[in-house]
Amino acid sequence: MHGSERVDEHRAAPPQLPALTPAFERDRQAFARYRSEREKTERRSVVRGLILLAVVLLVGSMARAGLDRVFFHGWWRP
């Protein structure tokens, strides 16, 4: 019992984080802006890829069905 009391008396305080410096705060904000721009770019790329995939599937389906069946004679007339 007296051995554990001695250890508690001499135990160091838990470590604390240092204060944030202005340079660190600027870097953190810059990284947040970079991440935001990167997410926008990635979202645009995903949307473009999905649109391209839809167009390729549409053209492939039309080619497989045959253009004469998709655009039958006189389709442009009202």
PDB file of N, CA and C in Angstrom:
ATOM      1  N   MET A   1       0.813  -1.184   0.000  1.00  0.00           N
ATOM      2  CA  MET A   1       0.000   0.000   0.000  1.00  0.00           C
ATOM      3  C   MET A   1       0.863   1.256   0.000  1.00  0.00           C
ATOM      4  N   HIS A   2       1.874   1.309   0.837  1.00  0.00           N
ATOM      5  CA  HIS A   2       2.686   2.515   0.869  1.00  0.00           C
ATOM      6  C   HIS A   2       3.527   2.678  -0.391  1.00  0.00           C
ATOM      7  N   GLY A   3       3.786   1.600  -1.141  1.00  0.00           N
ATOM      8  CA  GLY A   3       4.551   1.701  -2.381  1.00  0.00           C
ATOM      9  C   GLY A   3       3.773   2.419  -3.479  1.00  0.00           C
ATOM     10  N   SER A   4       2.466   2.152  -3.604  1.00  0.00           N
ATOM     11  CA  SER A   4       1.668   2.803  -4.643  1.00  0.00           C
ATOM     12  C   SER A   4       1.431   4.276  -4.317  1.00  0.00           C
ATOM     13  N   GLU A   5       1.397   4.627  -3.045  1.00  0.00           N
ATOM     14  CA  GLU A   5       1.221   6.030  -2.668  1.00  0.00           C
ATOM     15  C   GLU A   5       2.443   6.848  -3.091  1.00  0.00           C
ATOM     16  N   ARG A   6       3.604   6.265  -2.982  1.00  0.00           N
ATOM     17  CA  ARG A   6       4.817   6.970  -3.382  1.00  0.00           C
ATOM     18  C   ARG A   6       4.832   7.236  -4.892  1.00  0.00           C
ATOM     19  N   VAL A   7       4.393   6.253  -5.663  1.00  0.00           N
ATOM     20  CA  VAL A   7       4.389   6.412  -7.116  1.00  0.00           C
ATOM     21  C   VAL A   7       3.435   7.542  -7.505  1.00  0.00           C
ATOM     22  N   ASP A   8       2.267   7.614  -6.874  1.00  0.00           N
ATOM     23  CA  ASP A   8       1.296   8.659  -7.202  1.00  0.00           C
ATOM     24  C   ASP A   8       1.828  10.048  -6.845  1.00  0.00           C
ATOM     25  N   GLU A   9       2.604  10.150  -5.807  1.00  0.00           N
ATOM     26  CA  GLU A   9       3.131  11.450  -5.397  1.00  0.00           C
ATOM     27  C   GLU A   9       4.104  12.018  -6.430  1.00  0.00           C
ATOM     28  N   HIS A  10       4.865  11.174  -7.077  1.00  0.00           N
ATOM     29  CA  HIS A  10       5.927  11.620  -7.968  1.00  0.00           C
ATOM     30  C   HIS A  10       5.561  11.488  -9.452  1.00  0.00           C
ATOM     31  N   ARG A  11       4.330  11.206  -9.730  1.00  0.00           N
ATOM     32  CA  ARG A  11       3.921  11.040 -11.127  1.00  0.00           C
ATOM     33  C   ARG A  11       3.867  12.408 -11.810  1.00  0.00           C
ATOM     34  N   ALA A  12       4.342  12.462 -13.053  1.00  0.00           N
ATOM     35  CA  ALA A  12       4.355  13.723 -13.811  1.00  0.00           C
ATOM     36  C   ALA A  12       2.947  14.063 -14.278  1.00  0.00           C
ATOM     37  N   ALA A  13       2.730  15.337 -14.532  1.00  0.00           N
ATOM     38  CA  ALA A  13       1.435  15.783 -15.042  1.00  0.00           C
ATOM     39  C   ALA A  13       1.266  15.268 -16.477  1.00  0.00           C
ATOM     40  N   PRO A  14       0.038  15.045 -16.905  1.00  0.00           N
ATOM     41  CA  PRO A  14      -0.160  14.572 -18.282  1.00  0.00           C
ATOM     42  C   PRO A  14       0.322  15.626 -19.283  1.00  0.00           C
ATOM     43  N   PRO A  15       0.798  15.183 -20.441  1.00  0.00           N
ATOM     44  CA  PRO A  15       1.309  16.137 -21.425  1.00  0.00           C
ATOM     45  C   PRO A  15       0.193  17.032 -21.953  1.00  0.00           C
ATOM     46  N   GLN A  16       0.551  18.265 -22.249  1.00  0.00           N
ATOM     47  CA  GLN A  16      -0.412  19.219 -22.784  1.00  0.00           C
ATOM     48  C   GLN A  16       0.047  19.677 -24.163  1.00  0.00           C
ATOM     49  N   LEU A  17      -0.915  19.966 -25.006  1.00  0.00           N
ATOM     50  CA  LEU A  17      -0.585  20.448 -26.339  1.00  0.00           C
ATOM     51  C   LEU A  17      -0.041  21.863 -26.255  1.00  0.00           C
ATOM     52  N   PRO A  18       0.950  22.170 -27.070  1.00  0.00           N
ATOM     53  CA  PRO A  18       1.457  23.549 -27.084  1.00  0.00           C
ATOM     54  C   PRO A  18       0.426  24.478 -27.720  1.00  0.00           C
ATOM     55  N   ALA A  19       0.552  25.742 -27.467  1.00  0.00           N
ATOM     56  CA  ALA A  19      -0.354  26.734 -28.051  1.00  0.00           C
ATOM     57  C   ALA A  19      -0.144  26.784 -29.566  1.00  0.00           C
ATOM     58  N   LEU A  20      -1.227  26.974 -30.292  1.00  0.00           N
ATOM     59  CA  LEU A  20      -1.126  27.038 -31.747  1.00  0.00           C
ATOM     60  C   LEU A  20      -0.468  28.347 -32.172  1.00  0.00           C
ATOM     61  N   THR A  21       0.473  28.241 -33.085  1.00  0.00           N
ATOM     62  CA  THR A  21       1.162  29.428 -33.584  1.00  0.00           C
ATOM     63  C   THR A  21       0.393  29.980 -34.782  1.00  0.00           C
ATOM     64  N   PRO A  22       0.579  31.249 -35.110  1.00  0.00           N
ATOM     65  CA  PRO A  22      -0.094  31.814 -36.290  1.00  0.00           C
ATOM     66  C   PRO A  22       0.283  31.083 -37.583  1.00  0.00           C
ATOM     67  N   ALA A  23       1.516  30.648 -37.684  1.00  0.00           N
ATOM     68  CA  ALA A  23       1.943  29.928 -38.889  1.00  0.00           C
ATOM     69  C   ALA A  23       1.199  28.601 -39.009  1.00  0.00           C
ATOM     70  N   PHE A  24       1.036  27.907 -37.908  1.00  0.00           N
ATOM     71  CA  PHE A  24       0.314  26.631 -37.925  1.00  0.00           C
ATOM     72  C   PHE A  24      -1.151  26.867 -38.326  1.00  0.00           C
ATOM     73  N   GLU A  25      -1.749  27.902 -37.793  1.00  0.00           N
ATOM     74  CA  GLU A  25      -3.145  28.215 -38.110  1.00  0.00           C
ATOM     75  C   GLU A  25      -3.297  28.561 -39.595  1.00  0.00           C
ATOM     76  N   ARG A  26      -2.330  29.324 -40.149  1.00  0.00           N
ATOM     77  CA  ARG A  26      -2.364  29.638 -41.584  1.00  0.00           C
ATOM     78  C   ARG A  26      -2.245  28.373 -42.416  1.00  0.00           C
ATOM     79  N   ASP A  27      -1.339  27.478 -42.021  1.00  0.00           N
ATOM     80  CA  ASP A  27      -1.168  26.224 -42.751  1.00  0.00           C
ATOM     81  C   ASP A  27      -2.434  25.380 -42.690  1.00  0.00           C
ATOM     82  N   ARG A  28      -3.076  25.359 -41.548  1.00  0.00           N
ATOM     83  CA  ARG A  28      -4.291  24.565 -41.400  1.00  0.00           C
ATOM     84  C   ARG A  28      -5.405  25.135 -42.289  1.00  0.00           C
ATOM     85  N   GLN A  29      -5.529  26.440 -42.345  1.00  0.00           N
ATOM     86  CA  GLN A  29      -6.541  27.061 -43.204  1.00  0.00           C
ATOM     87  C   GLN A  29      -6.220  26.838 -44.680  1.00  0.00           C
ATOM     88  N   ALA A  30      -4.944  26.924 -45.032  1.00  0.00           N
ATOM     89  CA  ALA A  30      -4.541  26.690 -46.418  1.00  0.00           C
ATOM     90  C   ALA A  30      -4.851  25.250 -46.826  1.00  0.00           C
ATOM     91  N   PHE A  31      -4.602  24.306 -45.935  1.00  0.00           N
ATOM     92  CA  PHE A  31      -4.886  22.905 -46.236  1.00  0.00           C
ATOM     93  C   PHE A  31      -6.393  22.687 -46.367  1.00  0.00           C
ATOM     94  N   ALA A  32      -7.186  23.363 -45.547  1.00  0.00           N
ATOM     95  CA  ALA A  32      -8.645  23.243 -45.636  1.00  0.00           C
ATOM     96  C   ALA A  32      -9.135  23.774 -46.987  1.00  0.00           C
ATOM     97  N   ARG A  33      -8.568  24.899 -47.446  1.00  0.00           N
ATOM     98  CA  ARG A  33      -8.936  25.434 -48.767  1.00  0.00           C
ATOM     99  C   ARG A  33      -8.527  24.467 -49.877  1.00  0.00           C
ATOM    100  N   TYR A  34      -7.322  23.915 -49.764  1.00  0.00           N
ATOM    101  CA  TYR A  34      -6.842  22.956 -50.767  1.00  0.00           C
ATOM    102  C   TYR A  34      -7.763  21.738 -50.820  1.00  0.00           C
ATOM    103  N   ARG A  35      -8.131  21.218 -49.663  1.00  0.00           N
ATOM    104  CA  ARG A  35      -8.989  20.036 -49.608  1.00  0.00           C
ATOM    105  C   ARG A  35     -10.360  20.338 -50.214  1.00  0.00           C
ATOM    106  N   SER A  36     -10.885  21.520 -49.951  1.00  0.00           N
ATOM    107  CA  SER A  36     -12.180  21.916 -50.509  1.00  0.00           C
ATOM    108  C   SER A  36     -12.116  21.981 -52.035  1.00  0.00           C
ATOM    109  N   GLU A  37     -11.071  22.611 -52.559  1.00  0.00           N
ATOM    110  CA  GLU A  37     -10.905  22.692 -54.015  1.00  0.00           C
ATOM    111  C   GLU A  37     -10.728  21.304 -54.625  1.00  0.00           C
ATOM    112  N   ARG A  38      -9.980  20.461 -53.950  1.00  0.00           N
ATOM    113  CA  ARG A  38      -9.747  19.100 -54.447  1.00  0.00           C
ATOM    114  C   ARG A  38     -11.044  18.306 -54.495  1.00  0.00           C
ATOM    115  N   GLU A  39     -11.896  18.468 -53.483  1.00  0.00           N
ATOM    116  CA  GLU A  39     -13.179  17.769 -53.469  1.00  0.00           C
ATOM    117  C   GLU A  39     -14.080  18.253 -54.599  1.00  0.00           C
ATOM    118  N   LYS A  40     -14.064  19.564 -54.878  1.00  0.00           N
ATOM    119  CA  LYS A  40     -14.855  20.092 -55.994  1.00  0.00           C
ATOM    120  C   LYS A  40     -14.378  19.496 -57.318  1.00  0.00           C
ATOM    121  N   THR A  41     -13.064  19.462 -57.501  1.00  0.00           N
ATOM    122  CA  THR A  41     -12.498  18.919 -58.733  1.00  0.00           C
ATOM    123  C   THR A  41     -12.855  17.449 -58.884  1.00  0.00           C
ATOM    124  N   GLU A  42     -12.765  16.711 -57.797  1.00  0.00           N
ATOM    125  CA  GLU A  42     -13.075  15.283 -57.853  1.00  0.00           C
ATOM    126  C   GLU A  42     -14.552  15.059 -58.164  1.00  0.00           C
ATOM    127  N   ARG A  43     -15.436  15.863 -57.561  1.00  0.00           N
ATOM    128  CA  ARG A  43     -16.875  15.746 -57.839  1.00  0.00           C
ATOM    129  C   ARG A  43     -17.164  16.006 -59.313  1.00  0.00           C
ATOM    130  N   ARG A  44     -16.527  17.052 -59.874  1.00  0.00           N
ATOM    131  CA  ARG A  44     -16.706  17.352 -61.296  1.00  0.00           C
ATOM    132  C   ARG A  44     -16.249  16.179 -62.163  1.00  0.00           C
ATOM    133  N   SER A  45     -15.130  15.584 -61.802  1.00  0.00           N
ATOM    134  CA  SER A  45     -14.610  14.458 -62.578  1.00  0.00           C
ATOM    135  C   SER A  45     -15.569  13.266 -62.524  1.00  0.00           C
ATOM    136  N   VAL A  46     -16.141  13.011 -61.370  1.00  0.00           N
ATOM    137  CA  VAL A  46     -17.084  11.904 -61.233  1.00  0.00           C
ATOM    138  C   VAL A  46     -18.327  12.148 -62.088  1.00  0.00           C
ATOM    139  N   VAL A  47     -18.845  13.368 -62.056  1.00  0.00           N
ATOM    140  CA  VAL A  47     -20.042  13.694 -62.847  1.00  0.00           C
ATOM    141  C   VAL A  47     -19.740  13.549 -64.329  1.00  0.00           C
ATOM    142  N   ARG A  48     -18.610  14.064 -64.767  1.00  0.00           N
ATOM    143  CA  ARG A  48     -18.233  13.934 -66.186  1.00  0.00           C
ATOM    144  C   ARG A  48     -18.095  12.467 -66.586  1.00  0.00           C
ATOM    145  N   GLY A  49     -17.493  11.681 -65.721  1.00  0.00           N
ATOM    146  CA  GLY A  49     -17.334  10.250 -66.013  1.00  0.00           C
ATOM    147  C   GLY A  49     -18.674   9.538 -66.117  1.00  0.00           C
ATOM    148  N   LEU A  50     -19.618   9.870 -65.229  1.00  0.00           N
ATOM    149  CA  LEU A  50     -20.935   9.240 -65.286  1.00  0.00           C
ATOM    150  C   LEU A  50     -21.701   9.646 -66.545  1.00  0.00           C
ATOM    151  N   ILE A  51     -21.582  10.916 -66.931  1.00  0.00           N
ATOM    152  CA  ILE A  51     -22.238  11.371 -68.163  1.00  0.00           C
ATOM    153  C   ILE A  51     -21.629  10.665 -69.375  1.00  0.00           C
ATOM    154  N   LEU A  52     -20.313  10.555 -69.403  1.00  0.00           N
ATOM    155  CA  LEU A  52     -19.648   9.859 -70.507  1.00  0.00           C
ATOM    156  C   LEU A  52     -20.082   8.396 -70.567  1.00  0.00           C
ATOM    157  N   LEU A  53     -20.178   7.741 -69.436  1.00  0.00           N
ATOM    158  CA  LEU A  53     -20.625   6.349 -69.389  1.00  0.00           C
ATOM    159  C   LEU A  53     -22.052   6.222 -69.914  1.00  0.00           C
ATOM    160  N   ALA A  54     -22.929   7.150 -69.532  1.00  0.00           N
ATOM    161  CA  ALA A  54     -24.314   7.117 -70.010  1.00  0.00           C
ATOM    162  C   ALA A  54     -24.371   7.287 -71.527  1.00  0.00           C
ATOM    163  N   VAL A  55     -23.563   8.206 -72.065  1.00  0.00           N
ATOM    164  CA  VAL A  55     -23.543   8.424 -73.516  1.00  0.00           C
ATOM    165  C   VAL A  55     -23.029   7.184 -74.241  1.00  0.00           C
ATOM    166  N   VAL A  56     -21.980   6.576 -73.718  1.00  0.00           N
ATOM    167  CA  VAL A  56     -21.428   5.372 -74.348  1.00  0.00           C
ATOM    168  C   VAL A  56     -22.453   4.241 -74.329  1.00  0.00           C
ATOM    169  N   LEU A  57     -23.150   4.071 -73.207  1.00  0.00           N
ATOM    170  CA  LEU A  57     -24.177   3.033 -73.138  1.00  0.00           C
ATOM    171  C   LEU A  57     -25.326   3.309 -74.099  1.00  0.00           C
ATOM    172  N   LEU A  58     -25.742   4.568 -74.224  1.00  0.00           N
ATOM    173  CA  LEU A  58     -26.816   4.928 -75.140  1.00  0.00           C
ATOM    174  C   LEU A  58     -26.416   4.648 -76.583  1.00  0.00           C
ATOM    175  N   VAL A  59     -25.225   5.090 -76.960  1.00  0.00           N
ATOM    176  CA  VAL A  59     -24.750   4.868 -78.336  1.00  0.00           C
ATOM    177  C   VAL A  59     -24.590   3.370 -78.603  1.00  0.00           C
ATOM    178  N   GLY A  60     -24.059   2.640 -77.643  1.00  0.00           N
ATOM    179  CA  GLY A  60     -23.910   1.193 -77.820  1.00  0.00           C
ATOM    180  C   GLY A  60     -25.251   0.491 -77.963  1.00  0.00           C
ATOM    181  N   SER A  61     -26.229   0.897 -77.170  1.00  0.00           N
ATOM    182  CA  SER A  61     -27.559   0.295 -77.273  1.00  0.00           C
ATOM    183  C   SER A  61     -28.194   0.609 -78.619  1.00  0.00           C
ATOM    184  N   MET A  62     -28.028   1.840 -79.077  1.00  0.00           N
ATOM    185  CA  MET A  62     -28.584   2.224 -80.374  1.00  0.00           C
ATOM    186  C   MET A  62     -27.908   1.449 -81.501  1.00  0.00           C
ATOM    187  N   ALA A  63     -26.600   1.278 -81.424  1.00  0.00           N
ATOM    188  CA  ALA A  63     -25.874   0.545 -82.463  1.00  0.00           C
ATOM    189  C   ALA A  63     -26.276  -0.927 -82.455  1.00  0.00           C
ATOM    190  N   ARG A  64     -26.495  -1.481 -81.288  1.00  0.00           N
ATOM    191  CA  ARG A  64     -26.870  -2.894 -81.203  1.00  0.00           C
ATOM    192  C   ARG A  64     -28.288  -3.113 -81.737  1.00  0.00           C
ATOM    193  N   ALA A  65     -29.192  -2.179 -81.461  1.00  0.00           N
ATOM    194  CA  ALA A  65     -30.566  -2.315 -81.946  1.00  0.00           C
ATOM    195  C   ALA A  65     -30.647  -2.094 -83.444  1.00  0.00           C
ATOM    196  N   GLY A  66     -29.725  -1.329 -83.969  1.00  0.00           N
ATOM    197  CA  GLY A  66     -29.745  -1.014 -85.397  1.00  0.00           C
ATOM    198  C   GLY A  66     -30.343   0.359 -85.595  1.00  0.00           C
ATOM    199  N   LEU A  67     -29.656   1.168 -86.343  1.00  0.00           N
ATOM    200  CA  LEU A  67     -30.093   2.540 -86.540  1.00  0.00           C
ATOM    201  C   LEU A  67     -31.433   2.626 -87.258  1.00  0.00           C
ATOM    202  N   ASP A  68     -31.738   1.634 -88.129  1.00  0.00           N
ATOM    203  CA  ASP A  68     -33.023   1.669 -88.835  1.00  0.00           C
ATOM    204  C   ASP A  68     -34.189   1.410 -87.877  1.00  0.00           C
ATOM    205  N   ARG A  69     -33.956   0.727 -86.776  1.00  0.00           N
ATOM    206  CA  ARG A  69     -35.024   0.496 -85.791  1.00  0.00           C
ATOM    207  C   ARG A  69     -35.154   1.676 -84.832  1.00  0.00           C
ATOM    208  N   VAL A  70     -34.042   2.358 -84.552  1.00  0.00           N
ATOM    209  CA  VAL A  70     -34.081   3.501 -83.639  1.00  0.00           C
ATOM    210  C   VAL A  70     -34.653   4.714 -84.360  1.00  0.00           C
ATOM    211  N   PHE A  71     -34.108   5.004 -85.548  1.00  0.00           N
ATOM    212  CA  PHE A  71     -34.568   6.129 -86.353  1.00  0.00           C
ATOM    213  C   PHE A  71     -35.304   5.566 -87.568  1.00  0.00           C
ATOM    214  N   PHE A  72     -36.547   5.176 -87.385  1.00  0.00           N
ATOM    215  CA  PHE A  72     -37.307   4.599 -88.488  1.00  0.00           C
ATOM    216  C   PHE A  72     -37.608   5.661 -89.534  1.00  0.00           C
ATOM    217  N   HIS A  73     -37.960   5.193 -90.704  1.00  0.00           N
ATOM    218  CA  HIS A  73     -38.184   6.091 -91.842  1.00  0.00           C
ATOM    219  C   HIS A  73     -39.305   7.072 -91.507  1.00  0.00           C
ATOM    220  N   GLY A  74     -39.044   8.368 -91.665  1.00  0.00           N
ATOM    221  CA  GLY A  74     -40.031   9.404 -91.429  1.00  0.00           C
ATOM    222  C   GLY A  74     -40.110   9.857 -89.979  1.00  0.00           C
ATOM    223  N   TRP A  75     -39.147   9.535 -89.144  1.00  0.00           N
ATOM    224  CA  TRP A  75     -39.197   9.916 -87.726  1.00  0.00           C
ATOM    225  C   TRP A  75     -39.092  11.417 -87.520  1.00  0.00           C
ATOM    226  N   TRP A  76     -38.521  12.117 -88.470  1.00  0.00           N
ATOM    227  CA  TRP A  76     -38.330  13.558 -88.318  1.00  0.00           C
ATOM    228  C   TRP A  76     -39.568  14.364 -88.693  1.00  0.00           C
ATOM    229  N   ARG A  77     -40.566  13.705 -89.310  1.00  0.00           N
ATOM    230  CA  ARG A  77     -41.793  14.411 -89.710  1.00  0.00           C
ATOM    231  C   ARG A  77     -42.792  14.400 -88.561  1.00  0.00           C
ATOM    232  N   PRO A  78     -43.537  15.471 -88.399  1.00  0.00           N
ATOM    233  CA  PRO A  78     -44.552  15.499 -87.319  1.00  0.00           C
ATOM    234  C   PRO A  78     -45.745  14.617 -87.597  1.00  0.00           C
TER     235      PRO A  78
END
